Structure formats: C-alpha cells, structure tokens
C-alpha cells in the first residue's frame, strides 16, 4: 500500500465490521503512531510510544488468533508461518524498546529499524494474506471474523510477550492471563503519572 491514507481508502471500500477493513484501519493508525513517536519528545513521545506498543501487542495477538488460521488455508501455510515468524521477532524488538529511554539515540536507531520491519510485515499481509482471505470468505464470514477479532483484542495483552508471540496455542493459553496483568499495570502506571 505505502501510506496510511491509502490504507484508509482501501478500508473504506469494505463493509463495516469486515475483518480486513478493521485490520487496514489499524495498519493506518500504526503508521500514524510511528510518525507521532518520531516527531515528538519527552513525555509526549512516551505517550505515543505506549499507545503504539499497546496497539501492536493487541493487533498482532488478535491476528494470530483469528486471521492466521484462515490465512493458513487460503494463502498457504508458508505464508501464514512467515507472518507469524515476523510477529514473533517484532515482539522481541518491541519488548527491548519498551525497556529503553525513548529520549535516547539508541531508542531512535532501534525504533527506525523496527518501523521498517513492521511496515514491511503489514505490506506482506495486505498484498498476500488479505486478498486470499477475502477471496475465500463471503461477507458474512468476514464480518464474523471481524467480531471475533474485536473480542480477541479485548482480552489480548497490551505489552509484548515474546514467549507467546507467533504461536496461536500460546496466545490462547497465556493471552488472557497476561492481558489481565498488563491492564492492571497500565492502570497503575496511568494513575501514578496523573498524581505526579
């Protein structure tokens, strides 16, 4: 695709609730947030990074749980496995970035490389997985997948968990527990930053 605008245009052509529409809209937001992180400083930069981190963690988990099993059958096992491998690697990098000072040059260098790998990954999905899934599924099924994706996102972790990334079984087994811990941690972090 190449841009958040193009992704939003493609998403708008699809029915509301369609799984591919939801994912394209999220890809556009992810691109926006990469730009926000790069153009911000200090606390604002941290806030944008935290939003990006949470969106990526939730998005990738839900894709692995809902989209990938269908993509395995429609786009092929090799394609689905390649996307899972990319997500597992991205999860490791995201975990490293989360521990870094967002104001450091080390963060900026790692973040730039991470952005490129995430964009490449999204473009593979958009060019290979999404068309295969849309071609094989009727509108009702795509909407049911969209509903299931949204439900999976509500119980997905908001922080990277490299030990579960790339494995649908691990996501189903550890995801809800990790999500509960992550969401408590997020609430406590938000509360403590508001009181300072």
Protein backbone atom coordinates (compact mmCIF):
# COMPACT_ATOMS: atom_id res chain seq x y z
CA UNK A 1 0.00 0.00 0.00
CA UNK A 2 2.57 2.54 1.04
CA UNK A 3 0.68 5.01 3.23
CA UNK A 4 -1.88 5.42 5.98
CA UNK A 5 -4.07 7.39 3.57
CA UNK A 6 -4.05 4.54 1.04
CA UNK A 7 -4.85 2.01 3.77
CA UNK A 8 -7.79 4.13 4.95
CA UNK A 9 -9.04 4.45 1.36
CA UNK A 10 -8.87 0.67 0.86
CA UNK A 11 -10.59 0.07 4.20
CA UNK A 12 -13.42 2.47 3.34
CA UNK A 13 -14.26 0.35 0.27
CA UNK A 14 -15.04 -2.65 2.51
CA UNK A 15 -18.18 -3.26 4.58
CA UNK A 16 -18.25 -2.04 8.19
CA UNK A 17 -17.11 -4.82 10.53
CA UNK A 18 -15.19 -6.73 7.82
CA UNK A 19 -12.05 -8.20 9.40
CA UNK A 20 -9.81 -6.86 6.63
CA UNK A 21 -11.33 -3.37 6.97
CA UNK A 22 -10.61 -3.41 10.71
CA UNK A 23 -7.03 -4.54 10.16
CA UNK A 24 -6.38 -1.97 7.41
CA UNK A 25 -7.68 0.79 9.68
CA UNK A 26 -5.35 -0.43 12.42
CA UNK A 27 -2.41 -0.54 9.99
CA UNK A 28 -3.13 3.10 9.14
CA UNK A 29 -3.21 4.04 12.84
CA UNK A 30 0.06 2.16 13.42
CA UNK A 31 1.71 4.18 10.63
CA UNK A 32 0.34 7.40 12.18
CA UNK A 33 1.74 6.47 15.58
CA UNK A 34 5.19 5.70 14.18
CA UNK A 35 5.19 9.25 12.80
CA UNK A 36 3.96 10.72 16.09
CA UNK A 37 6.69 8.96 18.08
CA UNK A 38 9.39 10.15 15.68
CA UNK A 39 8.19 13.75 15.73
CA UNK A 40 7.65 14.06 19.49
CA UNK A 41 9.85 14.49 22.54
CA UNK A 42 9.74 13.82 26.25
CA UNK A 43 6.50 12.76 27.91
CA UNK A 44 4.52 13.16 24.67
CA UNK A 45 6.89 10.78 22.88
CA UNK A 46 6.49 8.24 25.68
CA UNK A 47 2.69 8.51 25.50
CA UNK A 48 2.67 7.93 21.73
CA UNK A 49 5.07 5.01 22.10
CA UNK A 50 2.88 3.49 24.84
CA UNK A 51 -0.16 3.79 22.57
CA UNK A 52 1.76 2.22 19.68
CA UNK A 53 3.09 -0.58 21.89
CA UNK A 54 -0.38 -1.44 23.16
CA UNK A 55 -1.94 -1.31 19.69
CA UNK A 56 0.77 -3.52 18.20
CA UNK A 57 0.56 -6.05 21.02
CA UNK A 58 -3.23 -6.31 20.79
CA UNK A 59 -3.30 -6.22 16.97
CA UNK A 60 -0.70 -8.94 16.45
CA UNK A 61 -2.21 -11.22 19.08
CA UNK A 62 -5.67 -10.97 17.53
CA UNK A 63 -4.28 -11.53 14.03
CA UNK A 64 -2.52 -14.69 15.17
CA UNK A 65 -5.67 -15.97 16.86
CA UNK A 66 -8.33 -15.04 14.28
CA UNK A 67 -6.85 -14.19 10.86
CA UNK A 68 -3.90 -16.53 10.68
CA UNK A 69 -5.83 -19.85 10.86
CA UNK A 70 -7.90 -18.75 7.85
CA UNK A 71 -4.84 -17.38 6.04
CA UNK A 72 -3.13 -20.73 6.56
CA UNK A 73 -5.86 -22.35 4.44
CA UNK A 74 -6.29 -19.55 1.91
CA UNK A 75 -2.83 -18.03 1.43
CA UNK A 76 -0.93 -21.18 2.39
CA UNK A 77 0.95 -22.50 5.39
CA UNK A 78 4.26 -20.97 4.31
CA UNK A 79 2.70 -17.52 4.06
CA UNK A 80 1.00 -17.78 7.46
CA UNK A 81 4.16 -19.13 9.07
CA UNK A 82 6.25 -16.29 7.61
CA UNK A 83 3.86 -13.71 9.08
CA UNK A 84 3.89 -15.47 12.47
CA UNK A 85 7.71 -15.53 12.44
CA UNK A 86 7.80 -11.80 11.66
CA UNK A 87 5.38 -11.11 14.51
CA UNK A 88 7.45 -13.19 16.93
CA UNK A 89 10.58 -11.22 16.01
CA UNK A 90 8.72 -7.89 16.24
CA UNK A 91 7.51 -8.85 19.70
CA UNK A 92 11.11 -9.34 20.86
CA UNK A 93 12.15 -5.96 19.48
CA UNK A 94 9.10 -4.26 20.98
CA UNK A 95 9.99 -5.75 24.38
CA UNK A 96 13.53 -4.30 24.06
CA UNK A 97 12.19 -0.89 23.01
CA UNK A 98 9.78 -0.84 25.94
CA UNK A 99 12.74 -1.03 28.35
CA UNK A 100 14.67 1.81 26.68
CA UNK A 101 14.60 5.53 27.38
CA UNK A 102 12.53 6.99 24.49
CA UNK A 103 14.77 10.05 24.55
CA UNK A 104 17.95 8.12 23.80
CA UNK A 105 19.69 7.84 20.43
CA UNK A 106 19.77 4.06 20.99
CA UNK A 107 15.95 4.04 21.11
CA UNK A 108 15.70 6.17 17.95
CA UNK A 109 18.03 3.87 15.99
CA UNK A 110 16.26 0.68 17.08
CA UNK A 111 12.86 2.31 16.58
CA UNK A 112 13.67 3.28 12.97
CA UNK A 113 14.66 -0.29 12.09
CA UNK A 114 11.59 -1.60 13.92
CA UNK A 115 9.30 0.73 11.99
CA UNK A 116 10.63 -0.56 8.67
CA UNK A 117 10.14 -4.20 9.68
CA UNK A 118 6.56 -3.54 10.90
CA UNK A 119 5.69 -1.67 7.67
CA UNK A 120 7.18 -4.48 5.56
CA UNK A 121 5.16 -7.01 7.57
CA UNK A 122 1.92 -5.04 7.12
CA UNK A 123 2.51 -4.73 3.38
CA UNK A 124 3.02 -8.52 3.10
CA UNK A 125 -0.29 -9.03 4.89
CA UNK A 126 -2.04 -6.50 2.67
CA UNK A 127 -0.65 -7.93 -0.58
CA UNK A 128 -0.69 -11.67 0.19
CA UNK A 129 -2.87 -12.62 3.16
CA UNK A 130 -5.75 -10.18 2.97
CA UNK A 131 -6.62 -10.78 -0.72
CA UNK A 132 -6.52 -14.56 -0.22
CA UNK A 133 -8.76 -14.38 2.86
CA UNK A 134 -11.22 -12.03 1.13
CA UNK A 135 -11.36 -14.21 -1.98
CA UNK A 136 -12.13 -17.36 0.03
CA UNK A 137 -14.65 -15.93 2.51
CA UNK A 138 -18.10 -14.50 1.96
CA UNK A 139 -19.16 -11.20 3.53
CA UNK A 140 -20.88 -12.87 6.49
CA UNK A 141 -17.79 -14.85 7.39
CA UNK A 142 -15.56 -11.77 7.08
CA UNK A 143 -17.89 -9.90 9.45
CA UNK A 144 -17.95 -12.82 11.91
CA UNK A 145 -14.15 -12.81 11.81
CA UNK A 146 -14.24 -9.06 12.47
CA UNK A 147 -16.43 -9.61 15.52
CA UNK A 148 -14.14 -12.36 16.78
CA UNK A 149 -11.07 -10.17 16.15
CA UNK A 150 -12.55 -7.36 18.23
CA UNK A 151 -13.38 -9.82 21.03
CA UNK A 152 -9.84 -11.25 20.93
CA UNK A 153 -8.40 -7.72 21.14
CA UNK A 154 -10.35 -7.06 24.33
CA UNK A 155 -8.62 -9.97 26.03
CA UNK A 156 -5.21 -9.57 24.37
CA UNK A 157 -2.11 -8.42 26.26
CA UNK A 158 -1.16 -4.74 25.90
CA UNK A 159 2.57 -5.39 26.30
CA UNK A 160 4.85 -7.65 24.27
CA UNK A 161 5.16 -11.25 25.45
CA UNK A 162 7.84 -12.82 23.23
CA UNK A 163 7.33 -16.30 24.67
CA UNK A 164 3.77 -16.42 23.26
CA UNK A 165 4.25 -14.46 20.04
CA UNK A 166 3.98 -16.40 16.81
CA UNK A 167 2.12 -19.32 18.42
CA UNK A 168 -1.66 -19.45 18.28
CA UNK A 169 -1.76 -22.10 21.03
CA UNK A 170 0.43 -19.98 23.33
CA UNK A 171 -1.72 -16.92 22.63
CA UNK A 172 -4.89 -18.79 23.64
CA UNK A 173 -3.28 -20.29 26.75
CA UNK A 174 -1.37 -17.31 28.14
CA UNK A 175 -3.08 -14.34 26.48
CA UNK A 176 -6.00 -13.78 28.88
CA UNK A 177 -3.79 -14.07 32.00
CA UNK A 178 -1.07 -11.85 30.51
CA UNK A 179 -3.73 -9.36 29.45
CA UNK A 180 -5.12 -9.11 32.96
CA UNK A 181 -1.65 -8.39 34.36
CA UNK A 182 -0.86 -5.90 31.57
CA UNK A 183 -4.09 -3.98 32.01
CA UNK A 184 -3.60 -3.70 35.78
CA UNK A 185 -0.03 -2.50 35.17
CA UNK A 186 -1.30 0.05 32.62
CA UNK A 187 -3.96 1.33 35.05
CA UNK A 188 -1.42 1.70 37.85
CA UNK A 189 1.05 3.47 35.56
CA UNK A 190 -1.64 5.86 34.34
CA UNK A 191 -2.82 6.57 37.87
CA UNK A 192 0.71 7.22 39.18
CA UNK A 193 1.59 9.52 36.25
CA UNK A 194 -1.58 11.58 36.85
CA UNK A 195 -0.78 12.04 40.54
CA UNK A 196 2.74 13.38 39.91
